[in-house]
Amino acid sequence: MDNVTAVLAELHEEHRRLSAELARVERVIDVIVELSGGEPQVRATAPNAPPRPVPAAASLPYVTLNLYEAVAAHLAEVNEPQTSRQIAEALVAGGYPTRSAYFGNVIGTMLRRKDSTRTYRISVTADGRRWFVRPQTSTKKSATDGE
């Protein structure tokens, strides 16, 4: 019976992952169709659910970005430090796909990882509560400078 339970758990997890991926792909397709001048399709969220309208492409700037890219783009746009909750609300409003009930906490956790500070130049304020994008500085010499 334990094998059946394990297989069912794996299948449920695979179904959840594929459903999330399919929803993301459908949003991207709708954005591309709308940007190309076509008519976006209205899709149902479940077989018996009423169809949901597709938002305008211009209002979904974060739909195709990963978390770090979306946060960096948002912080660069507002150009002032923001809390994880403010960032989460802006990303969701901008079409970032998430099902998390605690998305602000997810953002805070992810931004504390080295990848956000190194690659995307996202830093935390001295009080540790707000995030901002550091300006790009070019202090490194290129390989052709010393030759």
N, C-alpha and C. Protein backbone atom coordinates (compact mmCIF):
# COMPACT_ATOMS: atom_id res chain seq x y z
N MET A 1 0.82 -1.19 0.00
CA MET A 1 0.00 0.00 0.00
C MET A 1 0.86 1.26 0.00
N ASP A 2 2.07 1.19 0.59
CA ASP A 2 2.96 2.34 0.63
C ASP A 2 3.41 2.74 -0.77
N ASN A 3 3.62 1.74 -1.65
CA ASN A 3 4.01 2.04 -3.02
C ASN A 3 2.91 2.79 -3.76
N VAL A 4 1.69 2.40 -3.56
CA VAL A 4 0.55 3.07 -4.20
C VAL A 4 0.46 4.52 -3.72
N THR A 5 0.63 4.72 -2.43
CA THR A 5 0.59 6.06 -1.86
C THR A 5 1.70 6.93 -2.43
N ALA A 6 2.89 6.37 -2.54
CA ALA A 6 4.03 7.11 -3.09
C ALA A 6 3.80 7.46 -4.55
N VAL A 7 3.29 6.52 -5.34
CA VAL A 7 3.02 6.78 -6.75
C VAL A 7 1.94 7.85 -6.90
N LEU A 8 0.89 7.74 -6.10
CA LEU A 8 -0.17 8.76 -6.15
C LEU A 8 0.36 10.14 -5.78
N ALA A 9 1.20 10.21 -4.78
CA ALA A 9 1.78 11.50 -4.39
C ALA A 9 2.62 12.07 -5.52
N GLU A 10 3.41 11.22 -6.17
CA GLU A 10 4.22 11.68 -7.30
C GLU A 10 3.35 12.17 -8.45
N LEU A 11 2.27 11.43 -8.73
CA LEU A 11 1.37 11.83 -9.81
C LEU A 11 0.66 13.14 -9.50
N HIS A 12 0.25 13.31 -8.25
CA HIS A 12 -0.39 14.58 -7.87
C HIS A 12 0.58 15.75 -8.02
N GLU A 13 1.82 15.54 -7.62
CA GLU A 13 2.83 16.59 -7.75
C GLU A 13 3.10 16.90 -9.23
N GLU A 14 3.20 15.89 -10.05
CA GLU A 14 3.40 16.08 -11.50
C GLU A 14 2.22 16.81 -12.12
N HIS A 15 1.01 16.48 -11.71
CA HIS A 15 -0.19 17.15 -12.21
C HIS A 15 -0.17 18.63 -11.82
N ARG A 16 0.20 18.92 -10.58
CA ARG A 16 0.28 20.31 -10.12
C ARG A 16 1.32 21.08 -10.93
N ARG A 17 2.49 20.48 -11.13
CA ARG A 17 3.56 21.14 -11.87
C ARG A 17 3.17 21.39 -13.32
N LEU A 18 2.57 20.39 -13.95
CA LEU A 18 2.15 20.53 -15.35
C LEU A 18 1.02 21.55 -15.50
N SER A 19 0.11 21.59 -14.55
CA SER A 19 -0.98 22.57 -14.59
C SER A 19 -0.43 23.99 -14.51
N ALA A 20 0.53 24.20 -13.61
CA ALA A 20 1.15 25.52 -13.49
C ALA A 20 1.89 25.90 -14.76
N GLU A 21 2.61 24.96 -15.33
CA GLU A 21 3.34 25.22 -16.57
C GLU A 21 2.39 25.51 -17.72
N LEU A 22 1.31 24.76 -17.82
CA LEU A 22 0.32 24.98 -18.86
C LEU A 22 -0.32 26.36 -18.72
N ALA A 23 -0.63 26.76 -17.51
CA ALA A 23 -1.22 28.09 -17.29
C ALA A 23 -0.24 29.18 -17.72
N ARG A 24 1.05 28.99 -17.42
CA ARG A 24 2.07 29.97 -17.83
C ARG A 24 2.16 30.04 -19.34
N VAL A 25 2.17 28.90 -20.00
CA VAL A 25 2.26 28.85 -21.47
C VAL A 25 1.04 29.52 -22.09
N GLU A 26 -0.14 29.28 -21.55
CA GLU A 26 -1.35 29.90 -22.08
C GLU A 26 -1.29 31.42 -21.95
N ARG A 27 -0.78 31.93 -20.83
CA ARG A 27 -0.66 33.37 -20.66
C ARG A 27 0.32 33.96 -21.68
N VAL A 28 1.43 33.28 -21.89
CA VAL A 28 2.43 33.76 -22.86
C VAL A 28 1.84 33.75 -24.27
N ILE A 29 1.13 32.70 -24.62
CA ILE A 29 0.48 32.63 -25.94
C ILE A 29 -0.49 33.79 -26.11
N ASP A 30 -1.30 34.05 -25.11
CA ASP A 30 -2.27 35.14 -25.20
C ASP A 30 -1.58 36.49 -25.35
N VAL A 31 -0.47 36.69 -24.64
CA VAL A 31 0.26 37.95 -24.76
C VAL A 31 0.82 38.10 -26.16
N ILE A 32 1.39 37.04 -26.71
CA ILE A 32 1.97 37.10 -28.05
C ILE A 32 0.88 37.34 -29.09
N VAL A 33 -0.24 36.65 -28.96
CA VAL A 33 -1.35 36.85 -29.90
C VAL A 33 -1.83 38.29 -29.86
N GLU A 34 -1.97 38.84 -28.64
CA GLU A 34 -2.45 40.21 -28.53
C GLU A 34 -1.43 41.20 -29.09
N LEU A 35 -0.14 40.97 -28.83
CA LEU A 35 0.89 41.87 -29.35
C LEU A 35 0.96 41.82 -30.87
N SER A 36 0.63 40.68 -31.45
CA SER A 36 0.69 40.57 -32.91
C SER A 36 -0.58 41.10 -33.57
N GLY A 37 -1.50 41.59 -32.79
CA GLY A 37 -2.71 42.19 -33.35
C GLY A 37 -3.88 41.24 -33.44
N GLY A 38 -3.70 40.01 -33.01
CA GLY A 38 -4.78 39.04 -33.03
C GLY A 38 -5.71 39.23 -31.85
N GLU A 39 -6.73 38.44 -31.82
CA GLU A 39 -7.72 38.50 -30.74
C GLU A 39 -7.35 37.46 -29.69
N PRO A 40 -7.06 37.87 -28.42
CA PRO A 40 -6.72 36.89 -27.40
C PRO A 40 -7.89 35.96 -27.12
N GLN A 41 -7.54 34.72 -26.82
CA GLN A 41 -8.56 33.72 -26.55
C GLN A 41 -8.96 33.79 -25.09
N VAL A 42 -10.20 33.43 -24.83
CA VAL A 42 -10.68 33.34 -23.45
C VAL A 42 -10.62 31.88 -23.06
N ARG A 43 -9.96 31.58 -21.94
CA ARG A 43 -9.77 30.20 -21.52
C ARG A 43 -10.47 29.95 -20.19
N ALA A 44 -10.90 28.74 -20.01
CA ALA A 44 -11.50 28.34 -18.74
C ALA A 44 -10.39 27.82 -17.84
N THR A 45 -10.50 28.05 -16.54
CA THR A 45 -9.49 27.58 -15.60
C THR A 45 -9.68 26.11 -15.25
N ALA A 46 -10.87 25.59 -15.41
CA ALA A 46 -11.16 24.18 -15.15
C ALA A 46 -12.27 23.77 -16.12
N PRO A 47 -12.48 22.47 -16.32
CA PRO A 47 -13.48 22.03 -17.31
C PRO A 47 -14.85 22.65 -17.12
N ASN A 48 -15.33 22.84 -15.91
CA ASN A 48 -16.66 23.38 -15.68
C ASN A 48 -16.65 24.81 -15.17
N ALA A 49 -15.47 25.45 -15.14
CA ALA A 49 -15.37 26.81 -14.62
C ALA A 49 -15.75 27.81 -15.70
N PRO A 50 -16.28 28.96 -15.28
CA PRO A 50 -16.58 29.98 -16.28
C PRO A 50 -15.29 30.53 -16.87
N PRO A 51 -15.30 30.97 -18.13
CA PRO A 51 -14.06 31.47 -18.73
C PRO A 51 -13.59 32.76 -18.06
N ARG A 52 -12.28 32.93 -18.00
CA ARG A 52 -11.73 34.15 -17.42
C ARG A 52 -11.22 35.05 -18.54
N PRO A 53 -11.43 36.34 -18.44
CA PRO A 53 -10.94 37.24 -19.48
C PRO A 53 -9.42 37.33 -19.46
N VAL A 54 -8.81 37.55 -20.60
CA VAL A 54 -7.37 37.68 -20.70
C VAL A 54 -7.01 39.15 -20.56
N PRO A 55 -6.14 39.51 -19.60
CA PRO A 55 -5.77 40.91 -19.43
C PRO A 55 -4.94 41.41 -20.61
N ALA A 56 -4.87 42.71 -20.76
CA ALA A 56 -4.09 43.32 -21.84
C ALA A 56 -2.61 43.01 -21.65
N ALA A 57 -1.89 42.85 -22.76
CA ALA A 57 -0.47 42.50 -22.72
C ALA A 57 0.36 43.58 -22.04
N ALA A 58 0.01 44.83 -22.23
CA ALA A 58 0.78 45.91 -21.64
C ALA A 58 0.72 45.88 -20.12
N SER A 59 -0.33 45.29 -19.55
CA SER A 59 -0.44 45.24 -18.10
C SER A 59 0.23 44.01 -17.50
N LEU A 60 0.92 43.21 -18.32
CA LEU A 60 1.57 41.99 -17.84
C LEU A 60 3.07 42.00 -18.12
N PRO A 61 3.81 42.96 -17.58
CA PRO A 61 5.23 43.03 -17.91
C PRO A 61 6.08 41.90 -17.30
N TYR A 62 5.56 41.21 -16.28
CA TYR A 62 6.37 40.22 -15.57
C TYR A 62 5.98 38.77 -15.88
N VAL A 63 5.08 38.56 -16.82
CA VAL A 63 4.53 37.23 -17.05
C VAL A 63 5.58 36.23 -17.55
N THR A 64 6.56 36.67 -18.30
CA THR A 64 7.55 35.74 -18.86
C THR A 64 8.89 35.78 -18.15
N LEU A 65 9.03 36.59 -17.11
CA LEU A 65 10.31 36.75 -16.42
C LEU A 65 10.44 35.79 -15.25
N ASN A 66 11.69 35.46 -14.90
CA ASN A 66 11.88 34.69 -13.68
C ASN A 66 11.78 35.65 -12.50
N LEU A 67 11.80 35.13 -11.30
CA LEU A 67 11.56 35.95 -10.11
C LEU A 67 12.56 37.08 -9.98
N TYR A 68 13.86 36.78 -10.11
CA TYR A 68 14.87 37.81 -9.96
C TYR A 68 14.75 38.89 -11.03
N GLU A 69 14.52 38.46 -12.28
CA GLU A 69 14.37 39.43 -13.36
C GLU A 69 13.17 40.34 -13.12
N ALA A 70 12.07 39.76 -12.68
CA ALA A 70 10.86 40.54 -12.43
C ALA A 70 11.07 41.54 -11.29
N VAL A 71 11.70 41.10 -10.21
CA VAL A 71 11.95 41.99 -9.08
C VAL A 71 12.89 43.11 -9.50
N ALA A 72 13.97 42.77 -10.20
CA ALA A 72 14.92 43.80 -10.63
C ALA A 72 14.25 44.81 -11.57
N ALA A 73 13.42 44.32 -12.49
CA ALA A 73 12.72 45.22 -13.41
C ALA A 73 11.78 46.14 -12.65
N HIS A 74 11.06 45.60 -11.69
CA HIS A 74 10.12 46.42 -10.91
C HIS A 74 10.87 47.47 -10.08
N LEU A 75 11.92 47.05 -9.39
CA LEU A 75 12.66 47.99 -8.55
C LEU A 75 13.34 49.08 -9.38
N ALA A 76 13.82 48.71 -10.56
CA ALA A 76 14.42 49.71 -11.44
C ALA A 76 13.37 50.70 -11.93
N GLU A 77 12.15 50.21 -12.15
CA GLU A 77 11.07 51.07 -12.63
C GLU A 77 10.63 52.07 -11.57
N VAL A 78 10.44 51.61 -10.32
CA VAL A 78 9.98 52.51 -9.27
C VAL A 78 11.11 53.36 -8.71
N ASN A 79 12.34 52.87 -8.81
CA ASN A 79 13.54 53.60 -8.43
C ASN A 79 13.53 54.07 -6.97
N GLU A 80 12.99 53.23 -6.09
CA GLU A 80 13.03 53.49 -4.65
C GLU A 80 12.92 52.17 -3.92
N PRO A 81 13.49 52.06 -2.73
CA PRO A 81 13.42 50.80 -1.98
C PRO A 81 11.98 50.43 -1.66
N GLN A 82 11.70 49.13 -1.71
CA GLN A 82 10.36 48.63 -1.40
C GLN A 82 10.46 47.38 -0.55
N THR A 83 9.40 47.14 0.23
CA THR A 83 9.33 45.94 1.06
C THR A 83 9.00 44.73 0.18
N SER A 84 9.21 43.56 0.72
CA SER A 84 8.88 42.33 0.00
C SER A 84 7.40 42.29 -0.35
N ARG A 85 6.55 42.76 0.55
CA ARG A 85 5.11 42.76 0.31
C ARG A 85 4.76 43.70 -0.85
N GLN A 86 5.35 44.89 -0.89
CA GLN A 86 5.10 45.82 -1.98
C GLN A 86 5.55 45.23 -3.31
N ILE A 87 6.70 44.58 -3.31
CA ILE A 87 7.22 43.95 -4.52
C ILE A 87 6.28 42.84 -4.96
N ALA A 88 5.84 42.02 -4.01
CA ALA A 88 4.94 40.90 -4.33
C ALA A 88 3.64 41.41 -4.95
N GLU A 89 3.06 42.44 -4.38
CA GLU A 89 1.82 42.99 -4.92
C GLU A 89 2.01 43.53 -6.33
N ALA A 90 3.13 44.19 -6.57
CA ALA A 90 3.40 44.73 -7.91
C ALA A 90 3.63 43.62 -8.93
N LEU A 91 4.33 42.56 -8.54
CA LEU A 91 4.59 41.47 -9.47
C LEU A 91 3.30 40.74 -9.83
N VAL A 92 2.46 40.48 -8.85
CA VAL A 92 1.19 39.80 -9.11
C VAL A 92 0.32 40.68 -10.01
N ALA A 93 0.28 41.98 -9.73
CA ALA A 93 -0.50 42.89 -10.57
C ALA A 93 0.07 42.95 -11.99
N GLY A 94 1.37 42.72 -12.12
CA GLY A 94 2.02 42.74 -13.43
C GLY A 94 2.03 41.40 -14.13
N GLY A 95 1.30 40.43 -13.61
CA GLY A 95 1.14 39.16 -14.29
C GLY A 95 2.10 38.06 -13.90
N TYR A 96 2.92 38.26 -12.86
CA TYR A 96 3.84 37.20 -12.46
C TYR A 96 3.04 36.01 -11.95
N PRO A 97 3.29 34.82 -12.50
CA PRO A 97 2.48 33.65 -12.12
C PRO A 97 2.91 33.06 -10.77
N THR A 98 2.01 33.05 -9.83
CA THR A 98 2.27 32.43 -8.53
C THR A 98 0.96 31.95 -7.93
N ARG A 99 1.08 30.92 -7.12
CA ARG A 99 -0.07 30.43 -6.36
C ARG A 99 0.16 30.59 -4.86
N SER A 100 1.30 31.15 -4.52
CA SER A 100 1.69 31.25 -3.12
C SER A 100 0.79 32.23 -2.36
N ALA A 101 0.34 31.79 -1.21
CA ALA A 101 -0.44 32.67 -0.34
C ALA A 101 0.49 33.61 0.42
N TYR A 102 1.77 33.28 0.46
CA TYR A 102 2.77 34.07 1.19
C TYR A 102 3.87 34.50 0.24
N PHE A 103 3.47 35.09 -0.89
CA PHE A 103 4.42 35.45 -1.94
C PHE A 103 5.45 36.48 -1.46
N GLY A 104 5.07 37.38 -0.58
CA GLY A 104 6.01 38.34 -0.03
C GLY A 104 7.14 37.65 0.72
N ASN A 105 6.80 36.60 1.46
CA ASN A 105 7.82 35.82 2.17
C ASN A 105 8.74 35.10 1.20
N VAL A 106 8.17 34.58 0.12
CA VAL A 106 8.98 33.90 -0.90
C VAL A 106 9.99 34.88 -1.48
N ILE A 107 9.53 36.07 -1.80
CA ILE A 107 10.42 37.08 -2.37
C ILE A 107 11.53 37.44 -1.39
N GLY A 108 11.18 37.67 -0.13
CA GLY A 108 12.19 37.99 0.87
C GLY A 108 13.25 36.90 1.00
N THR A 109 12.81 35.65 0.99
CA THR A 109 13.74 34.52 1.09
C THR A 109 14.64 34.45 -0.14
N MET A 110 14.05 34.56 -1.31
CA MET A 110 14.83 34.44 -2.55
C MET A 110 15.82 35.60 -2.70
N LEU A 111 15.44 36.79 -2.28
CA LEU A 111 16.33 37.94 -2.45
C LEU A 111 17.51 37.90 -1.49
N ARG A 112 17.42 37.13 -0.44
CA ARG A 112 18.55 37.01 0.49
C ARG A 112 19.61 36.03 -0.02
N ARG A 113 19.33 35.36 -1.09
CA ARG A 113 20.30 34.43 -1.66
C ARG A 113 21.34 35.19 -2.47
N LYS A 114 22.51 34.61 -2.62
CA LYS A 114 23.62 35.29 -3.29
C LYS A 114 23.32 35.65 -4.74
N ASP A 115 22.53 34.85 -5.43
CA ASP A 115 22.26 35.09 -6.84
C ASP A 115 21.62 36.45 -7.08
N SER A 116 20.77 36.89 -6.17
CA SER A 116 20.09 38.17 -6.37
C SER A 116 21.06 39.33 -6.22
N THR A 117 22.01 39.23 -5.30
CA THR A 117 22.94 40.33 -5.10
C THR A 117 24.04 40.34 -6.14
N ARG A 118 24.46 39.18 -6.57
CA ARG A 118 25.57 39.10 -7.51
C ARG A 118 25.13 39.36 -8.94
N THR A 119 24.14 38.63 -9.42
CA THR A 119 23.74 38.71 -10.81
C THR A 119 22.81 39.88 -11.09
N TYR A 120 21.84 40.11 -10.22
CA TYR A 120 20.80 41.11 -10.49
C TYR A 120 21.01 42.40 -9.71
N ARG A 121 22.05 42.46 -8.86
CA ARG A 121 22.42 43.66 -8.13
C ARG A 121 21.28 44.18 -7.24
N ILE A 122 20.53 43.27 -6.65
CA ILE A 122 19.45 43.64 -5.74
C ILE A 122 20.02 43.62 -4.32
N SER A 123 19.87 44.73 -3.61
CA SER A 123 20.43 44.85 -2.27
C SER A 123 19.34 45.21 -1.28
N VAL A 124 19.66 44.98 -0.01
CA VAL A 124 18.72 45.31 1.06
C VAL A 124 19.19 46.59 1.75
N THR A 125 18.26 47.38 2.24
CA THR A 125 18.61 48.60 2.96
C THR A 125 19.24 48.25 4.30
N ALA A 126 19.83 49.23 4.95
CA ALA A 126 20.53 49.00 6.22
C ALA A 126 19.60 48.43 7.29
N ASP A 127 18.33 48.79 7.26
CA ASP A 127 17.39 48.27 8.26
C ASP A 127 16.94 46.84 7.94
N GLY A 128 17.29 46.33 6.76
CA GLY A 128 16.96 44.96 6.39
C GLY A 128 15.51 44.73 5.99
N ARG A 129 14.77 45.79 5.73
CA ARG A 129 13.34 45.65 5.45
C ARG A 129 12.93 45.99 4.03
N ARG A 130 13.77 46.72 3.31
CA ARG A 130 13.40 47.14 1.95
C ARG A 130 14.51 46.79 0.98
N TRP A 131 14.13 46.61 -0.27
CA TRP A 131 15.04 46.18 -1.32
C TRP A 131 15.17 47.25 -2.38
N PHE A 132 16.34 47.30 -3.02
CA PHE A 132 16.56 48.25 -4.11
C PHE A 132 17.57 47.65 -5.08
N VAL A 133 17.64 48.23 -6.28
CA VAL A 133 18.60 47.79 -7.29
C VAL A 133 19.77 48.75 -7.27
N ARG A 134 20.97 48.19 -7.09
CA ARG A 134 22.17 49.03 -7.11
C ARG A 134 22.45 49.45 -8.55
N PRO A 135 22.94 50.66 -8.73
CA PRO A 135 23.28 51.08 -10.10
C PRO A 135 24.44 50.25 -10.64
N GLN A 136 24.42 50.05 -11.93
CA GLN A 136 25.47 49.26 -12.60
C GLN A 136 26.74 50.10 -12.66
N THR A 137 27.84 49.55 -12.16
CA THR A 137 29.13 50.23 -12.26
C THR A 137 30.05 49.37 -13.08
N SER A 138 30.87 49.99 -13.89
CA SER A 138 31.80 49.22 -14.74
C SER A 138 33.21 49.47 -14.25
N THR A 139 33.61 48.78 -13.18
CA THR A 139 34.94 48.93 -12.63
C THR A 139 35.90 47.89 -13.17
N LYS A 140 35.36 46.83 -13.78
CA LYS A 140 36.20 45.77 -14.31
C LYS A 140 36.74 46.20 -15.68
N LYS A 141 38.00 45.90 -15.91
CA LYS A 141 38.58 46.17 -17.22
C LYS A 141 38.27 44.99 -18.15
N SER A 142 38.02 45.30 -19.38
CA SER A 142 37.78 44.23 -20.34
C SER A 142 39.10 43.59 -20.72
N ALA A 143 39.03 42.46 -21.38
CA ALA A 143 40.23 41.71 -21.75
C ALA A 143 41.08 42.49 -22.75
N THR A 144 40.50 43.40 -23.50
CA THR A 144 41.26 44.14 -24.52
C THR A 144 41.86 45.43 -23.98
N ASP A 145 41.51 45.87 -22.77
CA ASP A 145 42.00 47.13 -22.22
C ASP A 145 43.49 47.11 -21.94
N GLY A 146 44.03 46.05 -21.43
CA GLY A 146 45.43 46.00 -21.03
C GLY A 146 46.37 45.65 -22.15
N GLU A 147 45.90 45.44 -23.35
CA GLU A 147 46.77 44.97 -24.42
C GLU A 147 47.25 46.08 -25.30
